[in-house]
Amino acid sequence: MGRSNISSNPGGRLISLAVLAISFTLLGIIIASNLDFTPESSADVGGPDYPVVKDSKGDYCSPFVGVVEKVTDAIVHIEAEHGRSNRQIDDLFWRFFQIPQEPSKSYGSGFFFREDGYILTNYHVVRDADRVLVRTSSGYQYDARIVGYDPQTDLAVLKADADEKIDFIPFGNSTNIRVGDWVIAIGNPFPQQGLDRTVTVGVISAKGRSNLRFGEGTPRYQDYIQTDASINPGNSGGPLINLQGEAIGVNAAISSPTGASVGIGFAIPINLARAIVPDLIATGRVKRGWLGVYLAEVTEAMARDQGMDAVMGVAVESVFENSPAFEAGLKGGDIIVEFNDEDVADMDQFSVLVATAPKNVPVPITLIRGGKSISSQATLVDRDEYRLAHSEQFIDPRDRVSWLGMELLNFTAEIARQIGSDYIPGIYINSVARNSQAYRAGIMPGSIITQIDNREVKNLVELEAIAGELQKRGKAIPFLLVDPRGSIEYKAVRP
């Protein structure tokens, strides 16, 4: 008697619940049919997964697709042909029996950075090339001339007169990139396999990598971007691209025990290229800035003594008299922490900042002296021009320079005494490599160079300045040589 109707009728209760559930289901379907409940990817809401965007059709796709479609036609395949060389058969008869070889070839990548046909690539891709061919995405091939190159940064500019519309990649700003940013590498790995315009994706792994060694021809100025985007042999000279379709680096090298990519690749920052490309196009060589200081690494003790928050910057050991640094009031013991509005991390990075800074205009400098921050300005000068005009300030008897197959030293009174010769200002030829340009011209060790290209040369500083001017020289370079026994002779060396 005291039970409710539902409890007394279980079957009716179940039917009521089923009707209620079906009603809510139908209501949900009606509402959902008018709303977009497509689940967002975690990347759409800032999550850590692979980024996803919508294309023009509203379909989901990788953001890299649009970037690659935008830039891929600007990538070129580069083939550098080197002249016939001679191969030594044995040490005893090598002068008399030589086998001519077919021209050798090397391969790499590059990209148009201007619509009038200028191409950026690595210097090591076209080094010593007699002929350079570039192939565009259309499959057409063109002769390209080497406009200028800079071994100290491993960059070169080519020019191709293509009879087709040129797509090009604009320069971005490599200073603004952050570790963890997405990047795309495009190039031509393993060229013999025809894998042109291969796309790999990764992130910026680190910035400001320096003190790297890549064997002979390792660049002096290093400020590499490290990336885990796969870079393999043949990728050299191709662009490293951000998600805006801008070049923020030039792929240059890898660190690998096998010679193939293991996720540690290096690219030259595009801001370094931006600083030297105008010089390469205008004159074929780079005019580097010079401040006029001897530097040392900042130690932890130095940083603590100056009350700095971190071990950073470069320490000034001494200042060249009448140099830009001297005129700016820099002194020994100063620590330079900012240069040209960029933080100074260490000596390698600072050397890049100085070498690529604008000349003949004031450059801001922030330094720490006596625990206080001091602002100054220095007007940099062209390094080679200054060194040539003040060569006596730079002479170091320990210096050695290799050029055209010769190892060269400053000819000093001490060397003259050792070889039993009178002292004269000039360059001492310490050794000559077999089959080098100098050797083929008949130059032998022990002679003293007193003139190059009909210009007097008294030391290695002057020689380096002249050599820089002659780096694009096609015809033979005349040398005036003095033998220790007193005879004089002219030799012509073909570069």
Protein backbone atom coordinates (compact mmCIF):
# COMPACT_ATOMS: atom_id res chain seq x y z
CA MET A 1 0.00 0.00 0.00
CA GLY A 2 2.68 2.68 0.67
CA ARG A 3 4.63 2.23 -2.70
CA SER A 4 4.63 4.83 -5.53
CA ASN A 5 3.23 4.10 -8.96
CA ILE A 6 6.69 3.99 -10.64
CA SER A 7 8.05 1.60 -8.06
CA SER A 8 5.01 -0.58 -8.41
CA ASN A 9 5.44 -0.56 -12.27
CA PRO A 10 9.13 -1.17 -13.25
CA GLY A 11 8.35 -1.65 -16.91
CA GLY A 12 6.70 1.77 -17.21
CA ARG A 13 9.68 3.44 -15.49
CA LEU A 14 12.14 2.00 -18.07
CA ILE A 15 10.00 3.13 -20.99
CA SER A 16 9.86 6.68 -19.59
CA LEU A 17 13.66 6.84 -19.23
CA ALA A 18 14.21 5.53 -22.78
CA VAL A 19 11.85 8.14 -24.23
CA LEU A 20 13.71 10.88 -22.30
CA ALA A 21 17.13 9.70 -23.55
CA ILE A 22 15.98 9.59 -27.18
CA SER A 23 14.54 13.08 -26.86
CA PHE A 24 17.84 14.53 -25.60
CA THR A 25 19.78 12.71 -28.34
CA LEU A 26 17.55 14.14 -31.07
CA LEU A 27 17.89 17.61 -29.55
CA GLY A 28 21.71 17.28 -29.56
CA ILE A 29 21.75 16.23 -33.22
CA ILE A 30 19.61 19.23 -34.20
CA ILE A 31 21.88 21.67 -32.35
CA ALA A 32 25.09 20.07 -33.62
CA SER A 33 23.89 20.20 -37.22
CA ASN A 34 24.04 24.02 -37.08
CA LEU A 35 27.37 24.33 -35.29
CA ASP A 36 31.01 23.49 -36.20
CA PHE A 37 32.26 21.11 -33.55
CA THR A 38 35.32 20.00 -35.52
CA PRO A 39 37.99 19.50 -32.87
CA GLU A 40 40.87 21.96 -32.96
CA SER A 41 44.41 20.62 -33.02
CA SER A 42 46.54 21.45 -30.03
CA ALA A 43 48.61 23.72 -32.30
CA ASP A 44 45.50 25.80 -33.04
CA VAL A 45 45.26 26.59 -29.35
CA GLY A 46 48.96 27.02 -28.74
CA GLY A 47 49.75 23.41 -27.82
CA PRO A 48 53.04 21.63 -28.40
CA ASP A 49 52.00 19.36 -31.28
CA TYR A 50 52.82 19.75 -34.96
CA PRO A 51 51.36 23.07 -36.16
CA VAL A 52 48.26 22.92 -38.35
CA VAL A 53 46.49 25.64 -40.31
CA LYS A 54 43.72 25.85 -42.88
CA ASP A 55 44.44 26.31 -46.57
CA SER A 56 42.38 28.39 -49.01
CA LYS A 57 39.85 25.56 -49.31
CA GLY A 58 39.37 25.39 -45.56
CA ASP A 59 41.19 22.07 -45.27
CA TYR A 60 43.70 21.49 -42.50
CA CYS A 61 47.37 21.34 -43.61
CA SER A 62 50.90 22.02 -42.42
CA PRO A 63 51.91 25.70 -42.39
CA PHE A 64 55.08 24.69 -44.21
CA VAL A 65 53.13 23.85 -47.38
CA GLY A 66 52.37 27.47 -48.25
CA VAL A 67 55.92 28.60 -47.47
CA VAL A 68 57.48 25.89 -49.63
CA GLU A 69 55.13 26.63 -52.53
CA LYS A 70 56.11 30.29 -52.25
CA VAL A 71 59.90 29.86 -52.27
CA THR A 72 60.82 26.58 -53.91
CA ASP A 73 61.18 28.01 -57.43
CA ALA A 74 63.86 30.39 -56.16
CA ILE A 75 66.19 27.49 -55.28
CA VAL A 76 68.86 26.61 -57.84
CA HIS A 77 71.11 23.62 -58.33
CA ILE A 78 74.77 24.63 -58.73
CA GLU A 79 77.42 22.70 -60.64
CA ALA A 80 80.98 24.04 -60.38
CA GLU A 81 83.51 22.80 -62.92
CA HIS A 82 87.18 22.86 -62.12
CA GLY A 83 89.97 22.87 -64.69
CA ARG A 84 92.14 19.96 -65.61
CA SER A 85 94.58 19.02 -62.90
CA ASN A 86 97.67 16.84 -62.88
CA ARG A 87 98.16 13.75 -60.80
CA GLN A 88 101.57 12.73 -59.49
CA ILE A 89 102.61 9.15 -60.35
CA ASP A 90 105.58 8.81 -58.04
CA ASP A 91 107.90 11.05 -56.10
CA LEU A 92 110.96 10.35 -58.25
CA PHE A 93 109.54 11.02 -61.72
CA TRP A 94 106.57 13.20 -60.88
CA ARG A 95 107.94 16.13 -62.93
CA PHE A 96 108.16 14.06 -66.12
CA PHE A 97 105.21 11.69 -66.02
CA GLN A 98 101.80 13.20 -65.40
CA ILE A 99 98.32 11.99 -66.27
CA PRO A 100 95.79 14.64 -67.37
CA GLN A 101 92.45 14.31 -65.65
CA GLU A 102 89.04 15.33 -66.86
CA PRO A 103 87.64 18.49 -65.27
CA SER A 104 86.36 17.74 -61.79
CA LYS A 105 82.94 18.89 -60.63
CA SER A 106 81.42 19.86 -57.32
CA TYR A 107 77.78 20.44 -56.55
CA GLY A 108 75.71 22.51 -54.20
CA SER A 109 72.69 24.74 -53.79
CA GLY A 110 71.89 28.42 -53.94
CA PHE A 111 68.94 30.77 -54.19
CA PHE A 112 67.91 33.90 -56.03
CA PHE A 113 67.68 36.83 -53.63
CA ARG A 114 66.94 39.46 -56.29
CA GLU A 115 64.70 39.33 -59.33
CA ASP A 116 67.55 40.44 -61.61
CA GLY A 117 69.37 37.13 -61.25
CA TYR A 118 71.70 37.49 -58.26
CA ILE A 119 72.24 34.22 -56.39
CA LEU A 120 73.60 33.65 -52.89
CA THR A 121 75.56 30.50 -52.08
CA ASN A 122 78.58 29.28 -50.14
CA TYR A 123 82.10 30.15 -51.23
CA HIS A 124 83.19 26.54 -50.80
CA VAL A 125 80.61 25.48 -53.39
CA VAL A 126 82.26 27.52 -56.16
CA ARG A 127 85.84 27.77 -54.85
CA ASP A 128 88.44 27.65 -57.65
CA ALA A 129 85.72 27.01 -60.24
CA ASP A 130 86.48 27.70 -63.91
CA ARG A 131 82.83 27.47 -64.87
CA VAL A 132 79.62 27.59 -62.86
CA LEU A 133 76.27 26.31 -64.10
CA VAL A 134 72.96 26.84 -62.34
CA ARG A 135 69.75 24.93 -63.03
CA THR A 136 66.42 26.46 -62.11
CA SER A 137 63.19 24.73 -61.14
CA SER A 138 62.06 24.91 -64.76
CA GLY A 139 64.89 22.56 -65.72
CA TYR A 140 66.75 25.23 -67.73
CA GLN A 141 70.46 25.60 -67.16
CA TYR A 142 72.49 28.82 -67.34
CA ASP A 143 76.09 29.87 -67.08
CA ALA A 144 76.63 31.98 -63.98
CA ARG A 145 79.53 34.29 -63.27
CA ILE A 146 81.07 34.68 -59.84
CA VAL A 147 80.41 38.29 -58.89
CA GLY A 148 82.30 38.18 -55.60
CA TYR A 149 83.23 35.87 -52.76
CA ASP A 150 84.47 36.00 -49.20
CA PRO A 151 86.33 32.96 -47.83
CA GLN A 152 86.31 34.42 -44.32
CA THR A 153 82.52 34.09 -44.09
CA ASP A 154 82.13 31.30 -46.70
CA LEU A 155 79.73 33.33 -48.84
CA ALA A 156 79.65 34.01 -52.57
CA VAL A 157 77.37 35.91 -54.96
CA LEU A 158 76.66 34.65 -58.49
CA LYS A 159 74.83 36.28 -61.40
CA ALA A 160 72.77 34.35 -63.94
CA ASP A 161 71.14 36.03 -66.93
CA ALA A 162 68.07 33.83 -67.07
CA ASP A 163 65.50 34.25 -69.86
CA GLU A 164 62.61 33.33 -67.58
CA LYS A 165 60.75 34.98 -64.73
CA ILE A 166 62.82 34.77 -61.56
CA ASP A 167 61.27 34.03 -58.20
CA PHE A 168 63.42 35.23 -55.33
CA ILE A 169 63.55 34.89 -51.56
CA PRO A 170 63.76 38.09 -49.52
CA PHE A 171 66.15 38.41 -46.62
CA GLY A 172 64.62 38.19 -43.16
CA ASN A 173 66.17 39.30 -39.86
CA SER A 174 68.32 36.62 -38.25
CA THR A 175 68.83 38.71 -35.12
CA ASN A 176 65.16 38.30 -34.20
CA ILE A 177 65.01 34.51 -34.43
CA ARG A 178 64.60 32.54 -31.22
CA VAL A 179 65.73 29.12 -30.17
CA GLY A 180 62.75 26.84 -30.79
CA ASP A 181 61.44 28.71 -33.85
CA TRP A 182 60.37 26.54 -36.78
CA VAL A 183 62.61 26.68 -39.85
CA ILE A 184 62.69 25.06 -43.29
CA ALA A 185 65.82 24.00 -45.18
CA ILE A 186 65.63 23.52 -48.94
CA GLY A 187 68.47 22.29 -51.12
CA ASN A 188 69.87 19.58 -53.34
CA PRO A 189 71.28 16.77 -51.19
CA PHE A 190 73.30 13.96 -52.77
CA PRO A 191 73.28 15.67 -56.20
CA GLN A 192 74.15 12.53 -58.18
CA GLN A 193 70.81 11.08 -57.11
CA GLY A 194 68.79 13.98 -58.51
CA LEU A 195 67.10 14.89 -55.23
CA ASP A 196 66.73 18.57 -56.13
CA ARG A 197 64.71 20.91 -53.90
CA THR A 198 64.41 18.53 -51.00
CA VAL A 199 62.51 20.09 -48.10
CA THR A 200 63.36 19.38 -44.46
CA VAL A 201 61.86 20.94 -41.36
CA GLY A 202 63.19 21.54 -37.88
CA VAL A 203 63.74 24.18 -35.25
CA ILE A 204 66.46 26.63 -34.31
CA SER A 205 68.55 24.55 -31.92
CA ALA A 206 71.00 27.31 -30.91
CA LYS A 207 72.39 30.67 -31.97
CA GLY A 208 75.88 32.16 -32.04
CA ARG A 209 77.82 28.92 -32.55
CA SER A 210 81.54 29.57 -33.14
CA ASN A 211 84.96 27.94 -32.79
CA LEU A 212 83.84 25.25 -35.23
CA ARG A 213 86.36 23.45 -37.45
CA PHE A 214 85.44 22.13 -40.87
CA GLY A 215 88.93 21.30 -42.15
CA GLU A 216 90.76 23.35 -44.74
CA GLY A 217 89.03 26.64 -45.49
CA THR A 218 87.22 26.95 -42.15
CA PRO A 219 85.72 30.48 -42.12
CA ARG A 220 87.27 32.99 -39.75
CA TYR A 221 84.03 34.82 -38.92
CA GLN A 222 81.56 32.43 -37.29
CA ASP A 223 78.19 33.18 -35.74
CA TYR A 224 76.30 30.10 -36.91
CA ILE A 225 72.66 29.24 -36.45
CA GLN A 226 72.34 25.60 -35.36
CA THR A 227 69.30 23.66 -36.57
CA ASP A 228 68.03 20.10 -36.51
CA ALA A 229 66.47 20.47 -39.97
CA SER A 230 68.28 17.80 -41.97
CA ILE A 231 71.21 19.18 -43.99
CA ASN A 232 73.20 16.75 -46.14
CA PRO A 233 76.06 16.96 -48.69
CA GLY A 234 74.78 19.10 -51.56
CA ASN A 235 72.60 21.29 -49.32
CA SER A 236 75.40 23.83 -48.92
CA GLY A 237 74.32 27.26 -50.12
CA GLY A 238 70.59 26.61 -49.85
CA PRO A 239 68.39 28.85 -47.71
CA LEU A 240 67.18 28.37 -44.16
CA ILE A 241 63.68 29.86 -44.19
CA ASN A 242 61.27 31.08 -41.52
CA LEU A 243 57.48 30.67 -41.64
CA GLN A 244 57.12 34.06 -43.34
CA GLY A 245 59.00 32.74 -46.39
CA GLU A 246 62.13 34.80 -45.66
CA ALA A 247 65.72 33.58 -45.73
CA ILE A 248 67.18 33.82 -42.24
CA GLY A 249 70.30 31.77 -42.99
CA VAL A 250 72.48 30.10 -45.63
CA ASN A 251 72.97 26.39 -44.95
CA ALA A 252 76.69 25.73 -44.77
CA ALA A 253 77.86 22.70 -42.80
CA ILE A 254 77.00 19.75 -40.60
CA SER A 255 78.60 18.08 -37.61
CA SER A 256 78.46 14.35 -38.10
CA PRO A 257 80.60 11.26 -37.50
CA THR A 258 79.23 9.68 -40.69
CA GLY A 259 79.20 12.63 -43.12
CA ALA A 260 75.39 12.59 -43.28
CA SER A 261 72.85 14.52 -41.24
CA VAL A 262 72.48 13.57 -37.58
CA GLY A 263 70.43 16.63 -36.67
CA ILE A 264 73.28 19.09 -36.12
CA GLY A 265 73.42 21.52 -39.02
CA PHE A 266 74.80 25.03 -39.27
CA ALA A 267 73.65 28.04 -41.27
CA ILE A 268 75.30 31.43 -41.74
CA PRO A 269 72.99 34.15 -40.36
CA ILE A 270 71.40 36.18 -43.13
CA ASN A 271 72.29 39.43 -41.37
CA LEU A 272 75.95 38.54 -41.89
CA ALA A 273 75.23 38.06 -45.59
CA ARG A 274 73.21 41.28 -45.69
CA ALA A 275 76.24 43.20 -44.40
CA ILE A 276 78.69 41.96 -47.05
CA VAL A 277 76.55 41.33 -50.16
CA PRO A 278 76.55 45.01 -51.26
CA ASP A 279 80.38 45.01 -51.21
CA LEU A 280 80.53 41.74 -53.14
CA ILE A 281 78.21 43.08 -55.82
CA ALA A 282 79.95 46.47 -56.04
CA THR A 283 83.61 45.44 -55.89
CA GLY A 284 83.83 41.67 -55.59
CA ARG A 285 85.47 41.88 -52.18
CA VAL A 286 84.49 42.82 -48.64
CA LYS A 287 85.50 45.99 -46.84
CA ARG A 288 85.67 45.13 -43.16
CA GLY A 289 85.34 47.50 -40.26
CA TRP A 290 88.22 48.04 -37.84
CA LEU A 291 88.00 49.32 -34.28
CA GLY A 292 91.63 49.16 -33.13
CA VAL A 293 91.72 47.13 -29.92
CA TYR A 294 93.47 44.07 -28.57
CA LEU A 295 90.89 41.93 -26.79
CA ALA A 296 90.65 39.17 -24.20
CA GLU A 297 87.85 36.92 -22.99
CA VAL A 298 85.93 38.15 -19.95
CA THR A 299 86.60 35.90 -16.96
CA GLU A 300 84.30 35.25 -14.02
CA ALA A 301 86.67 37.25 -11.81
CA MET A 302 86.50 40.24 -14.20
CA ALA A 303 82.71 40.12 -14.28
CA ARG A 304 82.43 39.96 -10.48
CA ASP A 305 84.98 42.75 -10.05
CA GLN A 306 82.90 44.99 -12.35
CA GLY A 307 79.63 44.06 -10.61
CA MET A 308 78.19 42.44 -13.76
CA ASP A 309 75.19 40.12 -13.61
CA ALA A 310 76.73 37.63 -16.04
CA VAL A 311 80.01 36.66 -17.67
CA MET A 312 79.63 38.31 -21.07
CA GLY A 313 81.19 40.88 -23.37
CA VAL A 314 84.84 41.35 -24.36
CA ALA A 315 87.67 42.83 -22.35
CA VAL A 316 89.88 45.54 -23.85
CA GLU A 317 93.55 44.76 -23.23
CA SER A 318 95.01 47.72 -25.09
CA VAL A 319 94.07 50.28 -27.73
CA PHE A 320 95.90 51.25 -30.92
CA GLU A 321 97.00 54.86 -30.81
CA ASN A 322 94.93 57.15 -33.09
CA SER A 323 92.55 54.27 -33.89
CA PRO A 324 88.74 54.57 -33.85
CA ALA A 325 88.75 53.02 -30.37
CA PHE A 326 91.35 55.57 -29.22
CA GLU A 327 89.24 58.43 -30.57
CA ALA A 328 86.15 56.98 -28.84
CA GLY A 329 87.91 57.04 -25.46
CA LEU A 330 88.18 53.27 -24.92
CA LYS A 331 90.83 52.17 -22.44
CA GLY A 332 92.53 49.00 -21.30
CA GLY A 333 90.38 47.27 -18.67
CA ASP A 334 87.06 48.28 -20.23
CA ILE A 335 84.50 45.56 -20.91
CA ILE A 336 82.42 46.10 -24.04
CA VAL A 337 78.91 44.69 -23.47
CA GLU A 338 76.99 46.26 -26.38
CA PHE A 339 78.11 47.15 -29.88
CA ASN A 340 75.93 48.69 -32.57
CA ASP A 341 72.84 48.07 -30.38
CA GLU A 342 73.53 44.34 -30.04
CA ASP A 343 74.56 42.49 -26.88
CA VAL A 344 78.14 41.24 -27.01
CA ALA A 345 78.45 37.59 -25.97
CA ASP A 346 82.12 36.79 -26.59
CA MET A 347 85.14 37.57 -28.78
CA ASP A 348 84.02 35.51 -31.78
CA GLN A 349 80.65 37.19 -31.99
CA PHE A 350 82.23 40.60 -31.38
CA SER A 351 84.66 40.12 -34.27
CA VAL A 352 81.67 39.48 -36.55
CA LEU A 353 79.87 42.58 -35.28
CA VAL A 354 82.91 44.78 -35.91
CA ALA A 355 83.78 43.29 -39.28
CA THR A 356 80.25 43.81 -40.60
CA ALA A 357 79.41 47.14 -38.97
CA PRO A 358 79.01 50.23 -41.17
CA LYS A 359 82.16 52.25 -41.82
CA ASN A 360 82.61 56.01 -41.54
CA VAL A 361 79.46 56.51 -39.45
CA PRO A 362 79.21 56.59 -35.63
CA VAL A 363 78.49 53.19 -34.07
CA PRO A 364 77.13 53.12 -30.47
CA ILE A 365 79.15 51.25 -27.84
CA THR A 366 78.25 50.43 -24.24
CA LEU A 367 81.06 49.46 -21.89
CA ILE A 368 81.60 48.78 -18.21
CA ARG A 369 84.38 50.72 -16.49
CA GLY A 370 84.84 50.78 -12.75
CA GLY A 371 81.49 49.07 -12.26
CA LYS A 372 79.64 51.77 -14.16
CA SER A 373 77.96 51.67 -17.58
CA ILE A 374 79.40 54.17 -20.06
CA SER A 375 78.07 55.01 -23.51
CA SER A 376 80.34 56.00 -26.36
CA GLN A 377 80.50 56.05 -30.16
CA ALA A 378 83.22 54.93 -32.56
CA THR A 379 83.52 55.65 -36.27
CA LEU A 380 85.00 52.51 -37.81
CA VAL A 381 87.42 52.62 -40.73
CA ASP A 382 88.17 50.13 -43.49
CA ARG A 383 90.48 47.54 -41.96
CA ASP A 384 92.68 46.87 -45.00
CA GLU A 385 93.10 50.55 -45.86
CA TYR A 386 94.11 51.40 -42.29
CA ARG A 387 96.50 48.46 -41.99
CA LEU A 388 98.13 49.37 -45.28
CA ALA A 389 98.62 52.98 -44.17
CA HIS A 390 99.91 51.97 -40.70
CA SER A 391 101.51 48.61 -41.45
CA GLU A 392 104.35 49.15 -38.97
CA GLN A 393 101.82 48.85 -36.10
CA PHE A 394 100.81 45.34 -37.13
CA ILE A 395 104.10 43.60 -37.88
CA ASP A 396 104.54 40.35 -35.94
CA PRO A 397 107.55 38.16 -36.83
CA ARG A 398 105.52 35.07 -35.88
CA ASP A 399 102.88 35.74 -38.55
CA ARG A 400 102.60 33.32 -41.45
CA VAL A 401 100.43 33.64 -44.55
CA SER A 402 99.64 31.02 -47.21
CA TRP A 403 99.01 32.36 -50.71
CA LEU A 404 99.19 30.78 -54.18
CA GLY A 405 100.88 27.72 -52.67
CA MET A 406 103.55 29.69 -50.79
CA GLU A 407 104.07 29.87 -47.04
CA LEU A 408 105.22 33.44 -46.42
CA LEU A 409 106.90 35.18 -43.48
CA ASN A 410 107.92 38.73 -42.75
CA PHE A 411 111.58 38.93 -43.79
CA THR A 412 113.35 40.06 -40.64
CA ALA A 413 116.95 40.79 -39.70
CA GLU A 414 116.94 37.53 -37.75
CA ILE A 415 115.94 35.49 -40.80
CA ALA A 416 118.55 37.35 -42.86
CA ARG A 417 121.21 36.40 -40.31
CA GLN A 418 120.12 32.76 -40.35
CA ILE A 419 120.38 32.44 -44.14
CA GLY A 420 123.51 34.58 -44.45
CA SER A 421 121.85 37.38 -46.41
CA ASP A 422 121.71 41.13 -46.20
CA TYR A 423 118.46 42.44 -44.74
CA ILE A 424 116.00 44.18 -47.04
CA PRO A 425 112.31 44.90 -46.39
CA GLY A 426 110.19 42.19 -48.00
CA ILE A 427 108.45 38.82 -47.69
CA TYR A 428 110.40 35.61 -47.16
CA ILE A 429 109.20 32.52 -49.06
CA ASN A 430 109.51 29.75 -46.47
CA SER A 431 108.07 26.92 -48.58
CA VAL A 432 106.29 26.23 -51.87
CA ALA A 433 103.77 23.42 -52.31
CA ARG A 434 104.31 21.08 -55.22
CA ASN A 435 102.09 21.65 -58.24
CA SER A 436 100.80 24.90 -56.74
CA GLN A 437 100.40 28.09 -58.76
CA ALA A 438 103.70 29.43 -57.40
CA TYR A 439 105.54 26.18 -58.13
CA ARG A 440 104.30 26.08 -61.72
CA ALA A 441 105.60 29.64 -62.12
CA GLY A 442 109.07 28.50 -61.06
CA ILE A 443 109.12 30.18 -57.64
CA MET A 444 111.37 28.39 -55.14
CA PRO A 445 111.72 28.66 -51.37
CA GLY A 446 114.31 31.03 -49.95
CA SER A 447 113.62 34.01 -52.20
CA ILE A 448 112.42 37.38 -50.95
CA ILE A 449 109.40 39.08 -52.51
CA THR A 450 109.87 42.85 -52.80
CA GLN A 451 107.17 43.72 -55.35
CA ILE A 452 103.77 42.28 -56.27
CA ASP A 453 101.91 43.53 -59.33
CA ASN A 454 104.53 46.30 -59.67
CA ARG A 455 103.80 47.55 -56.14
CA GLU A 456 106.36 47.55 -53.36
CA VAL A 457 105.59 45.16 -50.51
CA LYS A 458 107.53 45.29 -47.24
CA ASN A 459 105.54 43.02 -44.90
CA LEU A 460 102.62 40.60 -44.65
CA VAL A 461 100.14 43.33 -43.79
CA GLU A 462 100.79 45.00 -47.14
CA LEU A 463 100.78 41.62 -48.90
CA GLU A 464 97.36 40.69 -47.49
CA ALA A 465 95.91 44.01 -48.61
CA ILE A 466 97.28 43.56 -52.14
CA ALA A 467 96.17 39.91 -52.25
CA GLY A 468 92.66 40.98 -51.32
CA GLU A 469 92.56 43.40 -54.24
CA LEU A 470 93.82 40.69 -56.61
CA GLN A 471 91.49 37.89 -55.56
CA LYS A 472 89.41 38.25 -58.75
CA ARG A 473 92.47 38.66 -60.96
CA GLY A 474 92.31 36.55 -64.10
CA LYS A 475 95.68 37.31 -65.70
CA ALA A 476 99.09 36.47 -64.25
CA ILE A 477 100.47 38.48 -61.31
CA PRO A 478 104.08 39.70 -61.66
CA PHE A 479 106.46 39.17 -58.70
CA LEU A 480 109.88 40.75 -58.21
CA LEU A 481 112.08 38.31 -56.29
CA VAL A 482 115.48 38.78 -54.73
CA ASP A 483 117.67 35.73 -54.23
CA PRO A 484 119.68 35.71 -50.94
CA ARG A 485 122.84 35.70 -53.06
CA GLY A 486 121.79 39.00 -54.61
CA SER A 487 120.28 38.11 -57.99
CA ILE A 488 116.94 39.61 -59.04
CA GLU A 489 114.28 37.96 -61.20
CA TYR A 490 110.66 38.43 -62.28
CA LYS A 491 108.10 35.63 -62.07
CA ALA A 492 104.50 35.66 -63.28
CA VAL A 493 102.03 33.64 -61.20
CA ARG A 494 98.64 32.79 -62.63
CA PRO A 495 96.05 32.89 -59.84
